[in-house]
Amino acid sequence: MDNSEAVLKALSKAGKALKGGEISDLSGVAKPAVDKALKDLLKQNKVVSPKRCYYEIIK
């Protein structure tokens, strides 16, 4: 599983908007790798940031 998949899985499991650090804790992926994955997922329109520093899956 790559980092993007791990981030999506963590967000899906949480069911709410999370901060990067929380995603890192849930997914087991290092925070810098989570930040990069979130940036890529935002470009792909798979996640959205409902408020600053929080991310959730687009429903």
Protein backbone atom coordinates (compact mmCIF):
# COMPACT_ATOMS: atom_id res chain seq x y z
CA MET A 1 0.00 0.00 0.00
CA ASP A 2 1.43 3.37 -0.92
CA ASN A 3 1.22 6.48 1.25
CA SER A 4 -1.79 7.95 -0.58
CA GLU A 5 -3.77 4.75 -0.08
CA ALA A 6 -2.81 4.68 3.61
CA VAL A 7 -3.95 8.31 4.01
CA LEU A 8 -7.28 7.61 2.29
CA LYS A 9 -7.82 4.52 4.43
CA ALA A 10 -7.12 6.49 7.64
CA LEU A 11 -9.51 9.28 6.60
CA SER A 12 -12.18 6.77 5.65
CA LYS A 13 -11.83 4.94 8.96
CA ALA A 14 -12.02 8.19 10.96
CA GLY A 15 -15.14 9.41 9.16
CA LYS A 16 -14.33 13.04 9.96
CA ALA A 17 -11.86 15.76 9.03
CA LEU A 18 -8.40 15.20 10.50
CA LYS A 19 -5.14 17.13 10.83
CA GLY A 20 -2.00 15.82 9.14
CA GLY A 21 -0.54 14.67 12.46
CA GLU A 22 -3.68 12.71 13.29
CA ILE A 23 -3.60 11.07 9.86
CA SER A 24 0.05 10.19 10.47
CA ASP A 25 -0.79 8.58 13.82
CA LEU A 26 -3.69 6.54 12.36
CA SER A 27 -1.91 5.45 9.19
CA GLY A 28 1.57 4.84 10.57
CA VAL A 29 3.01 7.00 7.77
CA ALA A 30 5.56 9.68 8.68
CA LYS A 31 4.17 13.23 8.80
CA PRO A 32 6.28 14.57 5.86
CA ALA A 33 5.06 11.67 3.70
CA VAL A 34 1.46 12.35 4.79
CA ASP A 35 1.84 16.01 3.80
CA LYS A 36 3.11 15.03 0.35
CA ALA A 37 0.33 12.47 -0.10
CA LEU A 38 -2.31 15.04 0.93
CA LYS A 39 -0.93 17.53 -1.58
CA ASP A 40 -1.20 14.92 -4.34
CA LEU A 41 -4.69 13.84 -3.23
CA LEU A 42 -5.87 17.47 -3.21
CA LYS A 43 -4.68 17.85 -6.83
CA GLN A 44 -6.53 14.65 -7.77
CA ASN A 45 -9.73 15.94 -6.09
CA LYS A 46 -9.90 12.93 -3.77
CA VAL A 47 -9.70 14.96 -0.55
CA VAL A 48 -10.80 18.43 0.45
CA SER A 49 -9.76 20.81 3.20
CA PRO A 50 -12.97 22.03 4.90
CA LYS A 51 -10.94 24.31 7.15
CA ARG A 52 -7.27 25.18 7.45
CA CYS A 53 -5.03 22.19 8.23
CA TYR A 54 -7.92 19.68 8.24
CA TYR A 55 -8.60 17.15 5.49
CA GLU A 56 -11.43 14.78 4.60
CA ILE A 57 -12.43 12.54 1.73
CA ILE A 58 -14.67 14.14 -0.87
CA LYS A 59 -18.10 12.55 -0.56
